[in-house]
Amino acid sequence: MRQDTTTLYPILLVHGLFGFERIGPFELFHGVKQALKAIGVQVFVPHLSAIHDNELRGKQLLCQIDAVLKGTGAVKVNLIGHSQGALASRYAAALAPHKVASVTSVSGPNHGSELADFLRKALIPGKLPEIVAQNVATLFSDFLCLLSGTTALPRNALAALNALTTAGVGDFNDKYPQGLPQSWGGQGAAQVNDVRYYSWSGVVPSMNLLQPDPVQDLCRALSQYFMTEPLQNDGFVGRYSSHLGTVIRSDYPIDHLRSLGRTADEHPGAVDSIQLYVEHALRLQAANL
């Protein structure tokens, strides 16, 4: 692969729920960042609230887009949002399309998450389980901030959960519909307000008895709570719920956590998720983005 290949605009990798940039030597998007930098792409990972609603995180993202534009001299950025990061990216593009060249949703709950629906129903508002869950999530978020050495941003576990349900994302979509499909399982508009929209996602692969994978096993266990898209989800997000703009593919054999960029194990049908980001950078370059 050529080493001077790059995109016209910087790429921001936008994390989702409980995301962070770095904890000690561990970077959430480490493999992706290194692979993109190797082909000459300017890459940044914005720091957003680990647990909060889509709009507040989107406002934080807008501030950091401004910082990147000022620091690099670029006039636009390419946003690649993983999971809830896709919704923050959509918000930023809807409010400031002149600053965003493209939005790419990777395993994004663009029509909500059935897992969030299940949790919302299980946690009765105001009752002890909901209060305990909120406290645990907040403490975990604070713990991540402590380990990463970053300033604690506003956090609200229930706001995050409500924002990821089918109803919560439905309200979000009413205000920010750019790139959404007009029919379930279809493709959305490829370009809105001069912003290109893309998406990709996967489904939990079948169990590999020769190579046990605890991360994949977790996603497989969570996938049982999907009623609308059984067997067609990555453990956190349904396949068709992830569709946005030009759908590159929504059935890669890859679970939700693997799509962060960790390279899949070597076995028949395995997908190198890091390579998916590299291929997309080349796609953006070809589109003069």
Protein backbone atom coordinates (compact mmCIF):
# COMPACT_ATOMS: atom_id res chain seq x y z
CA MET A 1 0.00 0.00 0.00
CA ARG A 2 1.27 3.45 -0.83
CA GLN A 3 2.52 5.41 2.18
CA ASP A 4 1.57 8.84 0.80
CA THR A 5 -2.12 8.07 0.51
CA THR A 6 -4.20 10.43 2.60
CA THR A 7 -7.58 12.11 2.89
CA LEU A 8 -8.20 15.74 2.04
CA TYR A 9 -9.60 16.43 5.51
CA PRO A 10 -8.56 15.11 8.96
CA ILE A 11 -10.41 12.13 10.41
CA LEU A 12 -11.93 12.24 13.89
CA LEU A 13 -12.61 8.85 15.49
CA VAL A 14 -15.59 9.47 17.77
CA HIS A 15 -16.05 7.02 20.63
CA GLY A 16 -19.35 5.80 22.01
CA LEU A 17 -20.64 4.87 25.45
CA PHE A 18 -17.88 4.49 28.08
CA GLY A 19 -15.32 5.48 25.47
CA PHE A 20 -11.98 7.19 26.06
CA GLU A 21 -8.82 8.02 24.15
CA ARG A 22 -6.08 6.42 26.26
CA ILE A 23 -5.62 4.58 29.55
CA GLY A 24 -1.91 4.15 30.19
CA PRO A 25 -0.43 2.46 27.13
CA PHE A 26 -3.86 1.33 25.91
CA GLU A 27 -5.67 3.44 23.30
CA LEU A 28 -9.26 2.67 22.41
CA PHE A 29 -8.64 3.19 18.68
CA HIS A 30 -4.92 2.29 18.81
CA GLY A 31 -4.80 -0.09 15.86
CA VAL A 32 -7.03 2.13 13.73
CA LYS A 33 -5.02 5.28 14.48
CA GLN A 34 -1.72 3.61 13.67
CA ALA A 35 -3.02 2.11 10.44
CA LEU A 36 -4.46 5.43 9.26
CA LYS A 37 -1.36 7.38 10.23
CA ALA A 38 0.73 4.87 8.28
CA ILE A 39 -1.01 5.99 5.08
CA GLY A 40 -0.60 9.67 5.91
CA VAL A 41 -4.00 10.50 7.39
CA GLN A 42 -4.29 13.11 10.15
CA VAL A 43 -6.24 11.37 12.94
CA PHE A 44 -7.73 12.72 16.16
CA VAL A 45 -9.79 11.16 18.95
CA PRO A 46 -12.04 13.75 20.63
CA HIS A 47 -12.76 13.45 24.35
CA LEU A 48 -16.51 13.30 24.99
CA SER A 49 -18.60 12.49 28.05
CA ALA A 50 -18.42 8.74 28.60
CA ILE A 51 -22.10 8.58 29.56
CA HIS A 52 -24.60 11.20 28.48
CA ASP A 53 -27.21 11.89 25.84
CA ASN A 54 -26.56 12.29 22.14
CA GLU A 55 -27.04 16.04 21.90
CA LEU A 56 -24.74 17.01 24.77
CA ARG A 57 -22.03 14.75 23.38
CA GLY A 58 -22.65 16.27 19.95
CA LYS A 59 -22.15 19.77 21.36
CA GLN A 60 -18.84 18.65 22.89
CA LEU A 61 -17.83 17.22 19.54
CA LEU A 62 -18.57 20.53 17.79
CA CYS A 63 -16.17 22.31 20.16
CA GLN A 64 -13.43 19.81 19.41
CA ILE A 65 -14.04 20.03 15.68
CA ASP A 66 -13.34 23.75 15.98
CA ALA A 67 -10.11 22.98 17.84
CA VAL A 68 -8.97 20.56 15.12
CA LEU A 69 -9.81 23.01 12.34
CA LYS A 70 -7.88 25.75 14.11
CA GLY A 71 -4.90 23.52 14.84
CA THR A 72 -4.61 21.95 11.39
CA GLY A 73 -5.80 24.76 9.14
CA ALA A 74 -8.31 22.39 7.56
CA VAL A 75 -11.74 23.71 6.61
CA LYS A 76 -13.65 20.47 7.26
CA VAL A 77 -13.29 17.12 9.02
CA ASN A 78 -14.37 13.55 8.35
CA LEU A 79 -16.23 12.03 11.30
CA ILE A 80 -16.15 8.28 11.93
CA GLY A 81 -18.37 7.49 14.90
CA HIS A 82 -18.45 4.12 16.63
CA SER A 83 -21.71 3.13 18.33
CA GLN A 84 -23.17 6.19 20.13
CA GLY A 85 -20.35 8.20 18.56
CA ALA A 86 -22.29 7.94 15.30
CA LEU A 87 -25.18 9.88 16.83
CA ALA A 88 -22.87 12.61 18.16
CA SER A 89 -21.36 12.83 14.67
CA ARG A 90 -24.78 13.11 13.06
CA TYR A 91 -25.67 15.93 15.45
CA ALA A 92 -22.49 17.84 14.64
CA ALA A 93 -23.05 17.46 10.89
CA ALA A 94 -26.67 18.55 11.15
CA LEU A 95 -25.79 21.73 13.04
CA ALA A 96 -22.55 22.60 11.24
CA PRO A 97 -22.56 20.96 7.79
CA HIS A 98 -20.03 23.53 6.56
CA LYS A 99 -17.47 22.04 8.95
CA VAL A 100 -18.11 18.35 8.21
CA ALA A 101 -17.16 16.62 4.97
CA SER A 102 -18.52 13.20 5.87
CA VAL A 103 -20.16 11.19 8.63
CA THR A 104 -19.49 7.47 8.86
CA SER A 105 -21.46 5.33 11.28
CA VAL A 106 -19.68 2.19 12.49
CA SER A 107 -22.08 -0.10 14.36
CA GLY A 108 -24.18 2.96 15.18
CA PRO A 109 -27.67 2.62 16.72
CA ASN A 110 -29.23 4.95 14.16
CA HIS A 111 -32.71 3.63 14.93
CA GLY A 112 -32.02 2.73 18.56
CA SER A 113 -30.80 -0.39 20.33
CA GLU A 114 -33.05 -3.24 21.37
CA LEU A 115 -30.58 -3.96 24.17
CA ALA A 116 -31.17 -0.44 25.52
CA ASP A 117 -34.93 -1.06 25.24
CA PHE A 118 -34.58 -4.21 27.34
CA LEU A 119 -32.53 -2.44 30.00
CA ARG A 120 -34.94 0.50 30.09
CA LYS A 121 -37.88 -1.83 30.73
CA ALA A 122 -35.94 -3.79 33.35
CA LEU A 123 -34.94 -0.67 35.29
CA ILE A 124 -38.19 0.72 36.68
CA PRO A 125 -37.90 4.51 37.02
CA GLY A 126 -37.22 5.62 40.60
CA LYS A 127 -36.89 2.08 41.95
CA LEU A 128 -33.79 0.59 43.57
CA PRO A 129 -32.45 -1.35 40.53
CA GLU A 130 -32.46 1.82 38.42
CA ILE A 131 -30.73 3.84 41.15
CA VAL A 132 -28.10 1.14 41.68
CA ALA A 133 -27.46 0.83 37.94
CA GLN A 134 -27.11 4.59 37.60
CA ASN A 135 -24.63 4.76 40.48
CA VAL A 136 -22.58 1.86 39.16
CA ALA A 137 -22.42 3.34 35.66
CA THR A 138 -21.42 6.75 37.02
CA LEU A 139 -18.72 5.27 39.25
CA PHE A 140 -17.37 3.26 36.32
CA SER A 141 -17.28 6.38 34.17
CA ASP A 142 -15.43 8.26 36.92
CA PHE A 143 -13.00 5.35 37.20
CA LEU A 144 -12.26 5.52 33.47
CA CYS A 145 -11.62 9.28 33.73
CA LEU A 146 -9.25 8.65 36.65
CA LEU A 147 -7.30 6.00 34.75
CA SER A 148 -7.15 8.04 31.56
CA GLY A 149 -6.05 11.17 33.39
CA THR A 150 -8.73 13.28 31.71
CA THR A 151 -10.98 15.88 33.25
CA ALA A 152 -14.33 14.42 34.18
CA LEU A 153 -16.96 15.76 31.80
CA PRO A 154 -20.67 15.88 32.66
CA ARG A 155 -22.14 12.40 32.96
CA ASN A 156 -25.65 11.06 33.26
CA ALA A 157 -26.19 7.33 32.98
CA LEU A 158 -29.97 7.45 32.65
CA ALA A 159 -29.79 10.17 30.02
CA ALA A 160 -27.41 7.95 28.06
CA LEU A 161 -29.67 4.90 28.36
CA ASN A 162 -32.80 6.82 27.41
CA ALA A 163 -30.98 8.36 24.44
CA LEU A 164 -30.10 4.93 23.05
CA THR A 165 -33.55 3.33 23.22
CA THR A 166 -35.69 3.03 20.13
CA ALA A 167 -37.94 5.82 21.42
CA GLY A 168 -35.02 8.04 22.40
CA VAL A 169 -33.28 7.72 19.05
CA GLY A 170 -36.65 8.16 17.34
CA ASP A 171 -36.99 11.59 18.97
CA PHE A 172 -33.40 12.37 17.96
CA ASN A 173 -34.12 11.31 14.37
CA ASP A 174 -37.16 13.58 14.17
CA LYS A 175 -34.80 16.53 14.70
CA TYR A 176 -31.78 15.25 12.79
CA PRO A 177 -32.95 12.97 9.94
CA GLN A 178 -30.01 13.57 7.59
CA GLY A 179 -28.86 10.34 5.91
CA LEU A 180 -31.58 8.11 7.35
CA PRO A 181 -33.24 5.49 5.10
CA GLN A 182 -36.84 6.10 4.11
CA SER A 183 -37.65 2.39 4.51
CA TRP A 184 -36.53 -0.17 7.09
CA GLY A 185 -33.36 -1.90 5.97
CA GLY A 186 -32.82 0.45 3.05
CA GLN A 187 -30.11 2.95 2.23
CA GLY A 188 -30.26 6.62 3.11
CA ALA A 189 -29.32 9.67 1.08
CA ALA A 190 -25.66 9.52 0.17
CA GLN A 191 -25.27 13.29 0.53
CA VAL A 192 -27.23 15.92 2.48
CA ASN A 193 -26.22 19.57 2.79
CA ASP A 194 -22.90 18.72 1.11
CA VAL A 195 -22.11 16.11 3.80
CA ARG A 196 -21.53 12.51 2.66
CA TYR A 197 -23.08 9.76 4.80
CA TYR A 198 -21.80 6.18 5.10
CA SER A 199 -22.30 3.22 7.43
CA TRP A 200 -21.11 -0.28 8.11
CA SER A 201 -21.75 -2.83 10.86
CA GLY A 202 -21.81 -6.55 11.51
CA VAL A 203 -23.53 -9.48 13.14
CA VAL A 204 -22.19 -11.77 15.83
CA PRO A 205 -20.32 -14.60 14.08
CA SER A 206 -21.20 -18.21 14.73
CA MET A 207 -19.29 -19.78 17.60
CA ASN A 208 -15.79 -21.02 16.82
CA LEU A 209 -15.20 -24.00 19.09
CA LEU A 210 -11.51 -24.15 18.17
CA GLN A 211 -10.84 -20.53 19.22
CA PRO A 212 -12.95 -19.43 22.21
CA ASP A 213 -13.43 -15.67 22.33
CA PRO A 214 -14.81 -14.16 25.59
CA VAL A 215 -15.58 -10.79 23.94
CA GLN A 216 -17.55 -12.48 21.20
CA ASP A 217 -19.24 -14.75 23.74
CA LEU A 218 -20.45 -11.67 25.65
CA CYS A 219 -21.91 -10.13 22.51
CA ARG A 220 -23.50 -13.45 21.60
CA ALA A 221 -25.13 -13.64 25.04
CA LEU A 222 -26.48 -10.09 24.73
CA SER A 223 -27.84 -10.79 21.26
CA GLN A 224 -30.60 -12.97 22.75
CA TYR A 225 -32.42 -9.84 23.92
CA PHE A 226 -33.13 -8.73 20.34
CA MET A 227 -36.69 -9.44 19.22
CA THR A 228 -36.97 -7.35 16.03
CA GLU A 229 -33.58 -8.42 14.68
CA PRO A 230 -32.78 -11.82 16.20
CA LEU A 231 -29.59 -13.32 14.76
CA GLN A 232 -29.16 -10.07 12.81
CA ASN A 233 -27.32 -7.97 15.39
CA ASP A 234 -23.83 -7.49 16.79
CA GLY A 235 -24.85 -7.92 20.43
CA PHE A 236 -25.54 -4.21 20.97
CA VAL A 237 -27.06 -2.90 17.72
CA GLY A 238 -29.33 -4.48 15.15
CA ARG A 239 -28.10 -4.82 11.58
CA TYR A 240 -30.82 -2.72 9.94
CA SER A 241 -30.96 -0.27 12.83
CA SER A 242 -27.37 0.66 11.93
CA HIS A 243 -28.17 1.77 8.37
CA LEU A 244 -27.26 5.34 7.43
CA GLY A 245 -26.47 6.93 4.08
CA THR A 246 -24.52 4.66 1.76
CA VAL A 247 -24.52 1.28 3.48
CA ILE A 248 -21.18 -0.30 2.71
CA ARG A 249 -22.20 -3.55 4.40
CA SER A 250 -24.18 -4.40 7.53
CA ASP A 251 -23.52 -8.11 7.94
CA TYR A 252 -19.78 -8.35 8.39
CA PRO A 253 -19.05 -11.35 10.65
CA ILE A 254 -17.92 -9.11 13.49
CA ASP A 255 -19.38 -8.22 16.89
CA HIS A 256 -19.92 -4.74 18.30
CA LEU A 257 -16.74 -4.56 20.37
CA ARG A 258 -14.53 -5.99 17.63
CA SER A 259 -15.70 -3.24 15.29
CA LEU A 260 -13.75 -0.77 17.43
CA GLY A 261 -10.70 -1.86 15.53
CA ARG A 262 -9.28 -4.92 17.20
CA THR A 263 -8.10 -7.34 14.53
CA ALA A 264 -10.14 -10.52 14.39
CA ASP A 265 -8.58 -13.93 14.96
CA GLU A 266 -7.29 -15.84 11.99
CA HIS A 267 -9.98 -18.33 11.05
CA PRO A 268 -12.15 -18.90 7.98
CA GLY A 269 -14.44 -15.94 7.38
CA ALA A 270 -12.67 -13.67 9.89
CA VAL A 271 -12.70 -9.94 9.21
CA ASP A 272 -9.81 -7.58 9.95
CA SER A 273 -11.80 -4.66 11.34
CA ILE A 274 -8.79 -2.34 11.24
CA GLN A 275 -8.54 -2.90 7.51
CA LEU A 276 -12.16 -1.77 7.17
CA TYR A 277 -11.15 1.67 8.45
CA VAL A 278 -8.16 1.80 6.09
CA GLU A 279 -10.35 0.85 3.14
CA HIS A 280 -12.78 3.56 4.14
CA ALA A 281 -10.03 6.17 4.29
CA LEU A 282 -9.20 5.23 0.70
CA ARG A 283 -12.91 5.53 -0.13
CA LEU A 284 -12.96 9.04 1.35
CA GLN A 285 -9.83 9.95 -0.57
CA ALA A 286 -11.40 8.74 -3.82
CA ALA A 287 -14.39 10.98 -3.09
CA ASN A 288 -12.00 13.92 -2.62
CA LEU A 289 -12.81 14.07 1.08
